[in-house]
PDB file of N, CA and C in Angstrom:
ATOM      1  N   MET A   1       7.761 -64.727 -24.721  1.00  0.00           N
ATOM      2  CA  MET A   1       8.379 -65.097 -25.948  1.00  0.00           C
ATOM      3  C   MET A   1       9.000 -64.100 -26.388  1.00  0.00           C
ATOM      4  N   VAL A   2      10.485 -64.289 -26.693  1.00  0.00           N
ATOM      5  CA  VAL A   2      11.311 -63.016 -27.261  1.00  0.00           C
ATOM      6  C   VAL A   2      10.976 -63.014 -28.873  1.00  0.00           C
ATOM      7  N   SER A   3      10.972 -61.830 -29.222  1.00  0.00           N
ATOM      8  CA  SER A   3      10.834 -61.600 -30.706  1.00  0.00           C
ATOM      9  C   SER A   3      12.179 -61.053 -31.376  1.00  0.00           C
ATOM     10  N   ILE A   4      12.727 -61.729 -32.204  1.00  0.00           N
ATOM     11  CA  ILE A   4      13.808 -61.285 -32.741  1.00  0.00           C
ATOM     12  C   ILE A   4      13.512 -60.920 -34.336  1.00  0.00           C
ATOM     13  N   GLN A   5      13.705 -59.703 -34.725  1.00  0.00           N
ATOM     14  CA  GLN A   5      13.577 -59.348 -35.963  1.00  0.00           C
ATOM     15  C   GLN A   5      14.938 -58.838 -36.892  1.00  0.00           C
ATOM     16  N   PHE A   6      14.811 -59.067 -38.141  1.00  0.00           N
ATOM     17  CA  PHE A   6      15.833 -58.517 -39.004  1.00  0.00           C
ATOM     18  C   PHE A   6      15.204 -58.265 -40.333  1.00  0.00           C
ATOM     19  N   GLU A   7      16.051 -57.427 -41.056  1.00  0.00           N
ATOM     20  CA  GLU A   7      15.521 -56.997 -42.418  1.00  0.00           C
ATOM     21  C   GLU A   7      16.475 -57.583 -43.561  1.00  0.00           C
ATOM     22  N   THR A   8      16.077 -58.453 -44.632  1.00  0.00           N
ATOM     23  CA  THR A   8      16.820 -58.834 -45.778  1.00  0.00           C
ATOM     24  C   THR A   8      16.289 -58.741 -46.897  1.00  0.00           C
ATOM     25  N   VAL A   9      16.777 -59.069 -47.906  1.00  0.00           N
ATOM     26  CA  VAL A   9      16.194 -58.950 -49.208  1.00  0.00           C
ATOM     27  C   VAL A   9      15.973 -60.169 -49.890  1.00  0.00           C
ATOM     28  N   ILE A  10      14.687 -60.670 -50.368  1.00  0.00           N
ATOM     29  CA  ILE A  10      14.522 -61.736 -51.277  1.00  0.00           C
ATOM     30  C   ILE A  10      15.158 -61.786 -52.474  1.00  0.00           C
ATOM     31  N   GLN A  11      16.103 -62.846 -52.925  1.00  0.00           N
ATOM     32  CA  GLN A  11      16.795 -62.782 -53.998  1.00  0.00           C
ATOM     33  C   GLN A  11      16.569 -63.845 -54.826  1.00  0.00           C
ATOM     34  N   PRO A  12      16.836 -63.858 -56.172  1.00  0.00           N
ATOM     35  CA  PRO A  12      16.631 -65.137 -56.925  1.00  0.00           C
ATOM     36  C   PRO A  12      17.768 -66.079 -56.606  1.00  0.00           C
ATOM     37  N   TRP A  13      17.170 -67.436 -56.765  1.00  0.00           N
ATOM     38  CA  TRP A  13      17.991 -68.636 -56.397  1.00  0.00           C
ATOM     39  C   TRP A  13      17.594 -69.654 -57.471  1.00  0.00           C
ATOM     40  N   GLY A  14      18.272 -69.533 -58.589  1.00  0.00           N
ATOM     41  CA  GLY A  14      17.969 -70.624 -59.702  1.00  0.00           C
ATOM     42  C   GLY A  14      16.402 -70.035 -60.165  1.00  0.00           C
ATOM     43  N   ASN A  15      15.491 -70.806 -60.167  1.00  0.00           N
ATOM     44  CA  ASN A  15      14.319 -70.486 -60.829  1.00  0.00           C
ATOM     45  C   ASN A  15      13.293 -69.972 -59.709  1.00  0.00           C
ATOM     46  N   SER A  16      13.954 -69.738 -58.373  1.00  0.00           N
ATOM     47  CA  SER A  16      13.022 -69.529 -57.027  1.00  0.00           C
ATOM     48  C   SER A  16      13.493 -68.422 -56.587  1.00  0.00           C
ATOM     49  N   LEU A  17      13.066 -68.284 -55.392  1.00  0.00           N
ATOM     50  CA  LEU A  17      13.630 -67.034 -54.563  1.00  0.00           C
ATOM     51  C   LEU A  17      14.227 -67.593 -53.298  1.00  0.00           C
ATOM     52  N   GLY A  18      15.170 -66.828 -52.854  1.00  0.00           N
ATOM     53  CA  GLY A  18      15.740 -67.428 -51.483  1.00  0.00           C
ATOM     54  C   GLY A  18      15.797 -66.166 -50.461  1.00  0.00           C
ATOM     55  N   LEU A  19      15.714 -66.669 -49.226  1.00  0.00           N
ATOM     56  CA  LEU A  19      15.872 -65.712 -48.111  1.00  0.00           C
ATOM     57  C   LEU A  19      17.150 -66.051 -47.313  1.00  0.00           C
ATOM     58  N   ARG A  20      17.935 -65.196 -46.941  1.00  0.00           N
ATOM     59  CA  ARG A  20      19.204 -65.492 -46.260  1.00  0.00           C
ATOM     60  C   ARG A  20      18.795 -65.249 -45.000  1.00  0.00           C
ATOM     61  N   ILE A  21      19.244 -66.129 -44.017  1.00  0.00           N
ATOM     62  CA  ILE A  21      18.940 -66.242 -42.367  1.00  0.00           C
ATOM     63  C   ILE A  21      20.141 -65.776 -41.692  1.00  0.00           C
ATOM     64  N   THR A  22      20.473 -64.734 -40.972  1.00  0.00           N
ATOM     65  CA  THR A  22      21.755 -64.314 -40.514  1.00  0.00           C
ATOM     66  C   THR A  22      22.202 -65.567 -39.368  1.00  0.00           C
ATOM     67  N   ARG A  23      23.347 -65.452 -39.142  1.00  0.00           N
ATOM     68  CA  ARG A  23      23.795 -66.449 -38.070  1.00  0.00           C
ATOM     69  C   ARG A  23      23.047 -66.046 -36.779  1.00  0.00           C
ATOM     70  N   ALA A  24      23.173 -64.908 -36.280  1.00  0.00           N
ATOM     71  CA  ALA A  24      22.377 -64.707 -35.017  1.00  0.00           C
ATOM     72  C   ALA A  24      20.999 -65.077 -34.861  1.00  0.00           C
ATOM     73  N   LEU A  25      20.355 -64.836 -36.069  1.00  0.00           N
ATOM     74  CA  LEU A  25      18.888 -65.339 -36.084  1.00  0.00           C
ATOM     75  C   LEU A  25      18.771 -66.905 -36.047  1.00  0.00           C
ATOM     76  N   SER A  26      19.580 -67.570 -36.840  1.00  0.00           N
ATOM     77  CA  SER A  26      19.538 -68.968 -36.934  1.00  0.00           C
ATOM     78  C   SER A  26      20.022 -69.699 -35.585  1.00  0.00           C
ATOM     79  N   GLU A  27      20.936 -68.846 -34.818  1.00  0.00           N
ATOM     80  CA  GLU A  27      21.290 -69.515 -33.666  1.00  0.00           C
ATOM     81  C   GLU A  27      20.091 -69.332 -32.568  1.00  0.00           C
ATOM     82  N   ALA A  28      19.430 -68.229 -32.628  1.00  0.00           N
ATOM     83  CA  ALA A  28      18.182 -67.760 -31.566  1.00  0.00           C
ATOM     84  C   ALA A  28      17.127 -68.979 -32.044  1.00  0.00           C
ATOM     85  N   ALA A  29      17.063 -69.094 -33.139  1.00  0.00           N
ATOM     86  CA  ALA A  29      15.865 -70.028 -33.680  1.00  0.00           C
ATOM     87  C   ALA A  29      16.318 -71.457 -33.821  1.00  0.00           C
ATOM     88  N   HIS A  30      17.414 -71.967 -33.353  1.00  0.00           N
ATOM     89  CA  HIS A  30      18.162 -73.294 -33.129  1.00  0.00           C
ATOM     90  C   HIS A  30      17.688 -73.821 -34.401  1.00  0.00           C
ATOM     91  N   LEU A  31      18.353 -73.179 -35.552  1.00  0.00           N
ATOM     92  CA  LEU A  31      18.463 -73.779 -37.185  1.00  0.00           C
ATOM     93  C   LEU A  31      20.229 -73.919 -37.313  1.00  0.00           C
ATOM     94  N   GLU A  32      20.264 -74.956 -38.131  1.00  0.00           N
ATOM     95  CA  GLU A  32      21.741 -75.195 -38.552  1.00  0.00           C
ATOM     96  C   GLU A  32      21.502 -75.636 -39.780  1.00  0.00           C
ATOM     97  N   ARG A  33      22.665 -75.838 -40.632  1.00  0.00           N
ATOM     98  CA  ARG A  33      22.709 -76.229 -42.043  1.00  0.00           C
ATOM     99  C   ARG A  33      22.152 -77.613 -41.915  1.00  0.00           C
ATOM    100  N   GLY A  34      21.242 -77.857 -43.107  1.00  0.00           N
ATOM    101  CA  GLY A  34      20.595 -79.111 -43.195  1.00  0.00           C
ATOM    102  C   GLY A  34      19.273 -79.094 -42.486  1.00  0.00           C
ATOM    103  N   THR A  35      19.130 -78.269 -41.363  1.00  0.00           N
ATOM    104  CA  THR A  35      17.705 -78.317 -40.726  1.00  0.00           C
ATOM    105  C   THR A  35      16.577 -78.345 -41.654  1.00  0.00           C
ATOM    106  N   VAL A  36      15.651 -79.527 -41.701  1.00  0.00           N
ATOM    107  CA  VAL A  36      14.562 -79.379 -42.365  1.00  0.00           C
ATOM    108  C   VAL A  36      13.598 -78.604 -41.925  1.00  0.00           C
ATOM    109  N   VAL A  37      12.911 -77.665 -42.568  1.00  0.00           N
ATOM    110  CA  VAL A  37      11.953 -76.750 -41.871  1.00  0.00           C
ATOM    111  C   VAL A  37      10.584 -76.794 -42.804  1.00  0.00           C
ATOM    112  N   THR A  38       9.531 -76.379 -41.933  1.00  0.00           N
ATOM    113  CA  THR A  38       8.301 -76.263 -42.586  1.00  0.00           C
ATOM    114  C   THR A  38       7.920 -74.727 -42.788  1.00  0.00           C
ATOM    115  N   VAL A  39       7.337 -74.453 -44.076  1.00  0.00           N
ATOM    116  CA  VAL A  39       7.101 -73.132 -44.197  1.00  0.00           C
ATOM    117  C   VAL A  39       5.535 -72.937 -44.379  1.00  0.00           C
ATOM    118  N   ALA A  40       4.946 -72.019 -43.573  1.00  0.00           N
ATOM    119  CA  ALA A  40       3.554 -72.025 -43.634  1.00  0.00           C
ATOM    120  C   ALA A  40       3.229 -70.488 -44.183  1.00  0.00           C
ATOM    121  N   VAL A  41       2.105 -70.272 -44.786  1.00  0.00           N
ATOM    122  CA  VAL A  41       1.517 -68.966 -45.270  1.00  0.00           C
ATOM    123  C   VAL A  41       0.837 -68.517 -44.001  1.00  0.00           C
ATOM    124  N   VAL A  42       0.828 -67.503 -43.548  1.00  0.00           N
ATOM    125  CA  VAL A  42      -0.022 -67.101 -42.299  1.00  0.00           C
ATOM    126  C   VAL A  42      -0.153 -65.522 -42.584  1.00  0.00           C
ATOM    127  N   ASP A  43      -1.147 -65.008 -41.929  1.00  0.00           N
ATOM    128  CA  ASP A  43      -1.584 -63.697 -42.059  1.00  0.00           C
ATOM    129  C   ASP A  43      -0.354 -62.653 -42.026  1.00  0.00           C
ATOM    130  N   GLY A  44      -0.052 -61.889 -42.887  1.00  0.00           N
ATOM    131  CA  GLY A  44       1.257 -61.154 -42.877  1.00  0.00           C
ATOM    132  C   GLY A  44       2.439 -61.720 -43.273  1.00  0.00           C
ATOM    133  N   GLY A  45       2.519 -62.651 -43.618  1.00  0.00           N
ATOM    134  CA  GLY A  45       3.888 -63.228 -43.980  1.00  0.00           C
ATOM    135  C   GLY A  45       3.942 -64.704 -44.027  1.00  0.00           C
ATOM    136  N   LEU A  46       5.191 -65.401 -43.782  1.00  0.00           N
ATOM    137  CA  LEU A  46       5.350 -66.690 -43.723  1.00  0.00           C
ATOM    138  C   LEU A  46       6.018 -66.969 -42.148  1.00  0.00           C
ATOM    139  N   LEU A  47       5.649 -68.183 -41.864  1.00  0.00           N
ATOM    140  CA  LEU A  47       6.004 -68.869 -40.697  1.00  0.00           C
ATOM    141  C   LEU A  47       7.125 -70.217 -40.965  1.00  0.00           C
ATOM    142  N   VAL A  48       8.093 -70.139 -40.492  1.00  0.00           N
ATOM    143  CA  VAL A  48       9.410 -71.253 -40.705  1.00  0.00           C
ATOM    144  C   VAL A  48       9.618 -71.769 -39.595  1.00  0.00           C
ATOM    145  N   LYS A  49       9.374 -72.894 -39.300  1.00  0.00           N
ATOM    146  CA  LYS A  49       9.640 -73.877 -38.117  1.00  0.00           C
ATOM    147  C   LYS A  49      10.358 -74.979 -38.416  1.00  0.00           C
ATOM    148  N   PRO A  50      11.320 -75.297 -37.621  1.00  0.00           N
ATOM    149  CA  PRO A  50      12.127 -76.651 -37.914  1.00  0.00           C
ATOM    150  C   PRO A  50      10.886 -77.936 -37.747  1.00  0.00           C
ATOM    151  N   LYS A  51      11.126 -78.641 -38.596  1.00  0.00           N
ATOM    152  CA  LYS A  51      10.063 -79.935 -38.931  1.00  0.00           C
ATOM    153  C   LYS A  51      10.510 -81.084 -37.545  1.00  0.00           C
ATOM    154  N   PRO A  52       9.561 -81.323 -36.681  1.00  0.00           N
ATOM    155  CA  PRO A  52       9.721 -82.211 -35.610  1.00  0.00           C
ATOM    156  C   PRO A  52      10.332 -83.429 -36.095  1.00  0.00           C
ATOM    157  N   THR A  53      11.175 -83.902 -35.526  1.00  0.00           N
ATOM    158  CA  THR A  53      11.912 -85.437 -35.817  1.00  0.00           C
ATOM    159  C   THR A  53      11.489 -86.411 -34.708  1.00  0.00           C
ATOM    160  N   LEU A  54      11.903 -87.558 -35.092  1.00  0.00           N
ATOM    161  CA  LEU A  54      11.983 -88.564 -33.945  1.00  0.00           C
ATOM    162  C   LEU A  54      13.184 -88.867 -33.473  1.00  0.00           C
ATOM    163  N   GLY A  55      14.063 -87.930 -33.566  1.00  0.00           N
ATOM    164  CA  GLY A  55      15.588 -88.155 -33.107  1.00  0.00           C
ATOM    165  C   GLY A  55      15.748 -88.057 -31.665  1.00  0.00           C
ATOM    166  N   LYS A  56      16.930 -87.802 -31.174  1.00  0.00           N
ATOM    167  CA  LYS A  56      17.305 -87.789 -29.790  1.00  0.00           C
ATOM    168  C   LYS A  56      16.350 -86.683 -29.006  1.00  0.00           C
ATOM    169  N   SER A  57      16.004 -85.749 -29.572  1.00  0.00           N
ATOM    170  CA  SER A  57      15.378 -84.760 -28.995  1.00  0.00           C
ATOM    171  C   SER A  57      13.810 -84.717 -28.702  1.00  0.00           C
ATOM    172  N   TRP A  58      13.298 -85.654 -29.511  1.00  0.00           N
ATOM    173  CA  TRP A  58      11.941 -85.824 -29.440  1.00  0.00           C
ATOM    174  C   TRP A  58      11.499 -86.689 -28.513  1.00  0.00           C
ATOM    175  N   VAL A  59      10.568 -86.458 -27.573  1.00  0.00           N
ATOM    176  CA  VAL A  59      10.001 -87.380 -26.547  1.00  0.00           C
ATOM    177  C   VAL A  59       8.667 -87.846 -26.774  1.00  0.00           C
ATOM    178  N   PHE A  60       8.432 -88.851 -26.718  1.00  0.00           N
ATOM    179  CA  PHE A  60       7.142 -89.398 -26.963  1.00  0.00           C
ATOM    180  C   PHE A  60       6.250 -89.200 -25.630  1.00  0.00           C
ATOM    181  N   PRO A  61       5.074 -88.502 -26.039  1.00  0.00           N
ATOM    182  CA  PRO A  61       4.204 -88.098 -24.646  1.00  0.00           C
ATOM    183  C   PRO A  61       3.546 -88.987 -23.986  1.00  0.00           C
ATOM    184  N   TYR A  62       3.599 -90.269 -24.289  1.00  0.00           N
ATOM    185  CA  TYR A  62       3.038 -91.369 -23.457  1.00  0.00           C
ATOM    186  C   TYR A  62       3.909 -92.395 -23.094  1.00  0.00           C
ATOM    187  N   SER A  63       3.693 -93.025 -21.955  1.00  0.00           N
ATOM    188  CA  SER A  63       4.692 -94.292 -21.486  1.00  0.00           C
ATOM    189  C   SER A  63       3.856 -95.510 -21.904  1.00  0.00           C
ATOM    190  N   GLU A  64       4.450 -96.619 -22.054  1.00  0.00           N
ATOM    191  CA  GLU A  64       3.988 -97.702 -22.571  1.00  0.00           C
ATOM    192  C   GLU A  64       2.672 -98.126 -21.779  1.00  0.00           C
ATOM    193  N   ALA A  65       2.890 -97.979 -20.346  1.00  0.00           N
ATOM    194  CA  ALA A  65       1.838 -98.208 -19.333  1.00  0.00           C
ATOM    195  C   ALA A  65       0.767 -97.424 -19.638  1.00  0.00           C
ATOM    196  N   GLU A  66       0.811 -96.149 -19.982  1.00  0.00           N
ATOM    197  CA  GLU A  66      -0.290 -95.372 -20.005  1.00  0.00           C
ATOM    198  C   GLU A  66      -0.999 -95.946 -21.444  1.00  0.00           C
ATOM    199  N   LEU A  67      -0.428 -96.301 -22.517  1.00  0.00           N
ATOM    200  CA  LEU A  67      -0.983 -96.577 -23.686  1.00  0.00           C
ATOM    201  C   LEU A  67      -1.921 -97.895 -23.412  1.00  0.00           C
ATOM    202  N   VAL A  68      -1.418 -98.690 -22.702  1.00  0.00           N
ATOM    203  CA  VAL A  68      -2.172-100.026 -22.569  1.00  0.00           C
ATOM    204  C   VAL A  68      -3.141-100.127 -21.230  1.00  0.00           C
ATOM    205  N   LEU A  69      -3.221 -98.872 -20.510  1.00  0.00           N
ATOM    206  CA  LEU A  69      -4.058 -98.863 -19.365  1.00  0.00           C
ATOM    207  C   LEU A  69      -5.449 -99.031 -19.872  1.00  0.00           C
ATOM    208  N   GLY A  70      -6.219-100.075 -19.022  1.00  0.00           N
ATOM    209  CA  GLY A  70      -7.566-100.401 -19.436  1.00  0.00           C
ATOM    210  C   GLY A  70      -7.690-101.307 -20.537  1.00  0.00           C
ATOM    211  N   LEU A  71      -6.570-101.578 -21.067  1.00  0.00           N
ATOM    212  CA  LEU A  71      -6.757-102.655 -22.371  1.00  0.00           C
ATOM    213  C   LEU A  71      -6.771-104.246 -22.068  1.00  0.00           C
ATOM    214  N   ASP A  72      -7.930-104.760 -22.636  1.00  0.00           N
ATOM    215  CA  ASP A  72      -8.126-106.075 -22.339  1.00  0.00           C
ATOM    216  C   ASP A  72      -8.096-106.684 -23.800  1.00  0.00           C
ATOM    217  N   PRO A  73      -8.302-107.956 -23.914  1.00  0.00           N
ATOM    218  CA  PRO A  73      -8.160-108.757 -25.363  1.00  0.00           C
ATOM    219  C   PRO A  73      -9.357-108.195 -26.277  1.00  0.00           C
ATOM    220  N   ALA A  74     -10.570-107.953 -25.528  1.00  0.00           N
ATOM    221  CA  ALA A  74     -11.792-107.532 -26.417  1.00  0.00           C
ATOM    222  C   ALA A  74     -11.418-106.277 -27.027  1.00  0.00           C
ATOM    223  N   LYS A  75     -10.978-105.321 -26.412  1.00  0.00           N
ATOM    224  CA  LYS A  75     -10.465-103.934 -26.740  1.00  0.00           C
ATOM    225  C   LYS A  75      -9.417-103.850 -27.878  1.00  0.00           C
ATOM    226  N   ALA A  76      -8.512-104.975 -27.304  1.00  0.00           N
ATOM    227  CA  ALA A  76      -7.233-104.914 -28.538  1.00  0.00           C
ATOM    228  C   ALA A  76      -7.526-105.737 -29.819  1.00  0.00           C
ATOM    229  N   HIS A  77      -8.698-106.306 -29.744  1.00  0.00           N
ATOM    230  CA  HIS A  77      -9.305-107.161 -30.685  1.00  0.00           C
ATOM    231  C   HIS A  77      -8.267-108.254 -31.054  1.00  0.00           C
ATOM    232  N   ALA A  78      -8.030-108.955 -30.015  1.00  0.00           N
ATOM    233  CA  ALA A  78      -7.022-110.077 -29.931  1.00  0.00           C
ATOM    234  C   ALA A  78      -7.693-111.348 -30.742  1.00  0.00           C
ATOM    235  N   ASP A  79      -8.976-111.175 -30.805  1.00  0.00           N
ATOM    236  CA  ASP A  79      -9.545-112.486 -31.517  1.00  0.00           C
ATOM    237  C   ASP A  79      -9.469-112.253 -32.867  1.00  0.00           C
ATOM    238  N   GLU A  80      -9.152-111.110 -33.355  1.00  0.00           N
ATOM    239  CA  GLU A  80      -8.947-110.781 -34.854  1.00  0.00           C
ATOM    240  C   GLU A  80      -7.283-111.037 -35.283  1.00  0.00           C
ATOM    241  N   LEU A  81      -6.563-111.482 -34.487  1.00  0.00           N
ATOM    242  CA  LEU A  81      -5.098-111.565 -34.709  1.00  0.00           C
ATOM    243  C   LEU A  81      -4.977-113.131 -35.231  1.00  0.00           C
ATOM    244  N   PRO A  82      -4.217-113.144 -36.355  1.00  0.00           N
ATOM    245  CA  PRO A  82      -4.276-114.498 -36.959  1.00  0.00           C
ATOM    246  C   PRO A  82      -3.219-115.145 -35.902  1.00  0.00           C
ATOM    247  N   ALA A  83      -3.506-116.657 -36.071  1.00  0.00           N
ATOM    248  CA  ALA A  83      -3.059-117.653 -35.313  1.00  0.00           C
ATOM    249  C   ALA A  83      -1.459-117.849 -35.908  1.00  0.00           C
ATOM    250  N   ILE A  84      -0.181-118.067 -35.163  1.00  0.00           N
ATOM    251  CA  ILE A  84       0.980-117.982 -35.769  1.00  0.00           C
ATOM    252  C   ILE A  84       1.328-119.609 -36.025  1.00  0.00           C
ATOM    253  N   ARG A  85       1.768-119.914 -37.139  1.00  0.00           N
ATOM    254  CA  ARG A  85       1.898-121.202 -37.673  1.00  0.00           C
ATOM    255  C   ARG A  85       3.162-121.713 -37.055  1.00  0.00           C
ATOM    256  N   VAL A  86       3.346-122.959 -37.026  1.00  0.00           N
ATOM    257  CA  VAL A  86       4.269-123.694 -36.199  1.00  0.00           C
ATOM    258  C   VAL A  86       5.514-123.356 -37.151  1.00  0.00           C
ATOM    259  N   SER A  87       5.547-123.450 -38.453  1.00  0.00           N
ATOM    260  CA  SER A  87       6.736-122.999 -39.047  1.00  0.00           C
ATOM    261  C   SER A  87       7.118-121.450 -39.180  1.00  0.00           C
ATOM    262  N   GLU A  88       6.257-120.608 -38.486  1.00  0.00           N
ATOM    263  CA  GLU A  88       6.416-119.238 -38.300  1.00  0.00           C
ATOM    264  C   GLU A  88       7.289-118.840 -37.131  1.00  0.00           C
ATOM    265  N   ARG A  89       7.237-119.929 -36.255  1.00  0.00           N
ATOM    266  CA  ARG A  89       7.567-119.844 -34.719  1.00  0.00           C
ATOM    267  C   ARG A  89       9.126-119.466 -34.675  1.00  0.00           C
ATOM    268  N   GLY A  90       9.957-120.122 -35.461  1.00  0.00           N
ATOM    269  CA  GLY A  90      11.283-119.993 -35.323  1.00  0.00           C
ATOM    270  C   GLY A  90      12.074-120.848 -34.340  1.00  0.00           C
ATOM    271  N   ASP A  91      11.242-121.594 -33.796  1.00  0.00           N
ATOM    272  CA  ASP A  91      11.766-122.620 -32.769  1.00  0.00           C
ATOM    273  C   ASP A  91      13.059-123.330 -33.178  1.00  0.00           C
TER     274      ASP A  91
END
């Protein structure tokens, strides 16, 4: 893992404090204007990471077939599902 470091100054931003991220660092970290990030306090400082999203770049780790593998009516609690009324079918 490549480590890029830079030095900056924490500055007032309204009633809070702000940290300016340089263009080079934002490009290396794949951050852009409007990116939602999580900030965690870790030993020695802060860890800033983009928040995972369910957008185009997110891939679900399991296929539908893997999710239902070994599933039967008893394991799926099919007996606990309510019966659909005739008026709810939309026929």
